[in-house]
Amino acid sequence: MKKIAISAALAVAIATPGIAAIVKVDNTKSAVSITFKQMNVPVDAKFKKFSASIDYDAAKPEASKATVDIDVASFDLGDAEYNKEVLKKEWFNAAAFPKASFVSTSMKAGAAGKLDVTGKLSIKGKTVDVSFPLSIKKEGNNQVFDGSLPIKRLTFNIGEGEWKDTGMVADEVQIKFHVVTNP
């Protein structure tokens, strides 16, 4: 249950943009996580493996691009048994759908110095158009991208059969990402 929410979160986190050219993502400082509610209690999880290609131009944000691929099997709820459960067919179906992905289709300057990012989020064989605000700041020579994307897990068939009941695991999932890039 928890793993499904994390998968969605990771997919969104990877969708973050970078500097004036394709930049290297520092995976040791970057993170993709999700938060969802199980029995009305917030649960946090993360994806341990993801890759991103970011081409960000601050002078022309509309020319920027980002792609993110998340290794669904790297989903970590902090418990080996839960981690194993969420990879099953009812949840992420990692055997059939080992990757979640995000591909940007548009980036433009938004309110309060943020970027408005639009793209295609694919999880468990289902692709949906998504949009989210993205904060960008400079830390030394690095660019840092922070964002959050709310999704509905049932849109991606995460939690099939008896798990479609949102009384146990809420439909709402917040995907959070913190991506640090090096020039």
Protein backbone atom coordinates (compact mmCIF):
# COMPACT_ATOMS: atom_id res chain seq x y z
CA MET A 1 0.00 0.00 0.00
CA LYS A 2 2.65 2.47 1.07
CA LYS A 3 4.91 1.47 -1.78
CA ILE A 4 2.36 2.50 -4.36
CA ALA A 5 2.30 6.01 -3.07
CA ILE A 6 6.07 6.18 -3.05
CA SER A 7 6.31 5.04 -6.65
CA ALA A 8 4.10 7.85 -7.75
CA ALA A 9 6.11 10.30 -5.72
CA LEU A 10 9.37 9.21 -7.17
CA ALA A 11 8.10 9.50 -10.69
CA VAL A 12 7.18 13.11 -10.08
CA ALA A 13 10.39 14.00 -8.28
CA ILE A 14 12.50 12.99 -11.20
CA ALA A 15 10.67 15.49 -13.37
CA THR A 16 12.74 18.41 -12.11
CA PRO A 17 14.75 20.71 -14.42
CA GLY A 18 18.43 21.83 -14.23
CA ILE A 19 20.90 24.54 -15.43
CA ALA A 20 21.57 26.24 -18.83
CA ALA A 21 22.59 22.93 -20.38
CA ILE A 22 22.16 19.28 -19.54
CA VAL A 23 23.43 18.98 -16.00
CA LYS A 24 24.53 16.11 -13.80
CA VAL A 25 22.15 15.12 -11.03
CA ASP A 26 23.85 14.53 -7.68
CA ASN A 27 21.97 11.43 -6.50
CA THR A 28 23.67 11.53 -3.09
CA LYS A 29 22.00 14.89 -2.36
CA SER A 30 18.77 14.35 -4.33
CA ALA A 31 15.63 12.59 -3.17
CA VAL A 32 12.23 11.51 -4.42
CA SER A 33 9.68 10.66 -1.78
CA ILE A 34 5.97 10.27 -1.32
CA THR A 35 3.55 10.85 1.49
CA PHE A 36 0.18 9.13 1.74
CA LYS A 37 -2.22 8.18 4.49
CA GLN A 38 -2.84 4.66 5.72
CA MET A 39 -5.71 4.42 8.19
CA ASN A 40 -5.57 8.25 8.28
CA VAL A 41 -1.94 8.24 9.49
CA PRO A 42 0.67 9.91 7.24
CA VAL A 43 3.27 7.52 5.82
CA ASP A 44 6.50 8.63 4.15
CA ALA A 45 8.43 6.50 1.67
CA LYS A 46 11.16 7.06 -0.88
CA PHE A 47 12.62 5.73 -4.10
CA LYS A 48 16.27 4.82 -3.72
CA LYS A 49 17.10 4.69 -7.45
CA PHE A 50 16.22 7.16 -10.17
CA SER A 51 17.90 8.90 -13.07
CA ALA A 52 17.19 12.29 -14.58
CA SER A 53 18.20 14.29 -17.61
CA ILE A 54 17.71 18.00 -17.07
CA ASP A 55 18.30 20.78 -19.59
CA TYR A 56 17.37 24.08 -17.92
CA ASP A 57 17.95 27.57 -19.26
CA ALA A 58 17.01 30.33 -16.77
CA ALA A 59 17.01 32.92 -19.58
CA LYS A 60 14.62 30.83 -21.69
CA PRO A 61 12.74 28.46 -19.36
CA GLU A 62 10.32 27.57 -22.17
CA ALA A 63 13.22 25.85 -23.96
CA SER A 64 13.99 23.69 -20.91
CA LYS A 65 13.39 19.93 -20.79
CA ALA A 66 13.47 17.19 -18.19
CA THR A 67 13.04 13.44 -18.13
CA VAL A 68 13.02 11.24 -15.07
CA ASP A 69 13.05 7.45 -14.76
CA ILE A 70 12.35 5.79 -11.44
CA ASP A 71 13.25 2.23 -10.53
CA VAL A 72 9.99 1.03 -8.98
CA ALA A 73 11.74 -1.86 -7.20
CA SER A 74 13.77 0.71 -5.23
CA PHE A 75 10.66 1.85 -3.37
CA ASP A 76 11.37 1.87 0.36
CA LEU A 77 8.75 2.02 3.07
CA GLY A 78 11.29 1.23 5.75
CA ASP A 79 10.13 -2.39 6.14
CA ALA A 80 11.31 -5.30 3.97
CA GLU A 81 7.92 -7.08 4.06
CA TYR A 82 5.99 -3.95 3.02
CA ASN A 83 8.58 -3.26 0.33
CA LYS A 84 8.05 -6.76 -1.07
CA GLU A 85 4.25 -6.43 -0.92
CA VAL A 86 4.03 -3.17 -2.87
CA LEU A 87 5.95 -4.65 -5.79
CA LYS A 88 3.16 -7.20 -6.36
CA LYS A 89 0.57 -7.00 -9.15
CA GLU A 90 -2.08 -5.29 -6.97
CA TRP A 91 0.22 -2.38 -6.25
CA PHE A 92 3.12 -1.41 -8.54
CA ASN A 93 3.37 -4.66 -10.51
CA ALA A 94 7.13 -4.13 -10.74
CA ALA A 95 7.64 -7.32 -12.77
CA ALA A 96 5.52 -5.94 -15.65
CA PHE A 97 6.24 -2.22 -15.06
CA PRO A 98 9.76 -1.84 -13.61
CA LYS A 99 9.99 1.92 -14.32
CA ALA A 100 7.89 4.97 -13.63
CA SER A 101 8.71 8.04 -15.69
CA PHE A 102 8.11 11.73 -16.19
CA VAL A 103 8.77 13.63 -19.43
CA SER A 104 8.27 17.37 -19.46
CA THR A 105 6.25 18.90 -22.29
CA SER A 106 6.38 22.53 -21.14
CA MET A 107 8.16 24.78 -18.67
CA LYS A 108 7.43 28.45 -18.17
CA ALA A 109 8.03 31.17 -15.64
CA GLY A 110 5.37 31.08 -12.95
CA ALA A 111 4.32 33.02 -9.87
CA ALA A 112 6.74 33.88 -7.05
CA GLY A 113 9.84 33.04 -9.10
CA LYS A 114 8.82 29.42 -9.65
CA LEU A 115 8.56 27.42 -12.85
CA ASP A 116 5.27 25.93 -13.97
CA VAL A 117 6.13 22.45 -15.25
CA THR A 118 3.79 20.32 -17.35
CA GLY A 119 4.45 16.83 -18.59
CA LYS A 120 3.48 13.20 -18.83
CA LEU A 121 3.69 10.98 -15.75
CA SER A 122 3.69 7.23 -16.47
CA ILE A 123 3.17 4.69 -13.72
CA LYS A 124 2.12 1.06 -14.09
CA GLY A 125 1.41 1.43 -17.81
CA LYS A 126 -0.87 4.45 -17.41
CA THR A 127 0.20 7.90 -18.65
CA VAL A 128 -1.42 11.08 -17.34
CA ASP A 129 -0.83 14.79 -18.01
CA VAL A 130 0.36 16.55 -14.83
CA SER A 131 1.40 20.07 -13.82
CA PHE A 132 3.21 21.37 -10.77
CA PRO A 133 5.17 24.41 -9.56
CA LEU A 134 8.93 24.05 -9.21
CA SER A 135 11.26 26.15 -7.04
CA ILE A 136 14.80 26.72 -8.25
CA LYS A 137 17.65 28.12 -6.17
CA LYS A 138 21.39 28.34 -6.45
CA GLU A 139 23.61 26.82 -3.73
CA GLY A 140 27.24 27.51 -4.57
CA ASN A 141 27.80 26.03 -8.03
CA ASN A 142 24.77 23.76 -7.70
CA GLN A 143 21.17 24.26 -8.78
CA VAL A 144 18.51 22.92 -6.43
CA PHE A 145 15.01 22.05 -7.66
CA ASP A 146 12.22 21.44 -5.17
CA GLY A 147 8.64 20.54 -5.92
CA SER A 148 5.60 18.59 -4.95
CA LEU A 149 2.97 16.93 -7.11
CA PRO A 150 -0.35 15.65 -5.79
CA ILE A 151 -1.73 12.58 -7.57
CA LYS A 152 -4.46 10.00 -7.06
CA ARG A 153 -3.07 6.47 -6.76
CA LEU A 154 -6.20 4.87 -8.23
CA THR A 155 -5.68 6.85 -11.46
CA PHE A 156 -2.63 4.61 -11.98
CA ASN A 157 -4.32 1.41 -10.72
CA ILE A 158 -2.08 1.38 -7.68
CA GLY A 159 -4.04 -0.69 -5.21
CA GLU A 160 -6.22 -3.10 -7.16
CA GLY A 161 -8.87 -5.52 -5.94
CA GLU A 162 -9.63 -5.08 -2.25
CA TRP A 163 -7.04 -2.28 -2.10
CA LYS A 164 -9.24 0.04 -4.19
CA ASP A 165 -11.05 0.79 -0.95
CA THR A 166 -9.67 4.15 0.15
CA GLY A 167 -10.72 3.56 3.75
CA MET A 168 -7.44 1.76 4.46
CA VAL A 169 -5.06 3.58 2.08
CA ALA A 170 -6.10 7.05 0.94
CA ASP A 171 -6.29 7.83 -2.78
CA GLU A 172 -4.30 11.06 -2.37
CA VAL A 173 -0.52 10.82 -2.69
CA GLN A 174 1.94 13.69 -2.53
CA ILE A 175 5.10 13.17 -4.58
CA LYS A 176 7.96 15.33 -3.32
CA PHE A 177 11.31 15.86 -4.94
CA HIS A 178 14.55 17.59 -4.10
CA VAL A 179 16.99 17.44 -6.99
CA VAL A 180 20.51 18.86 -6.75
CA THR A 181 22.53 19.30 -9.93
CA ASN A 182 26.22 19.95 -10.55
CA PRO A 183 27.47 22.01 -13.50
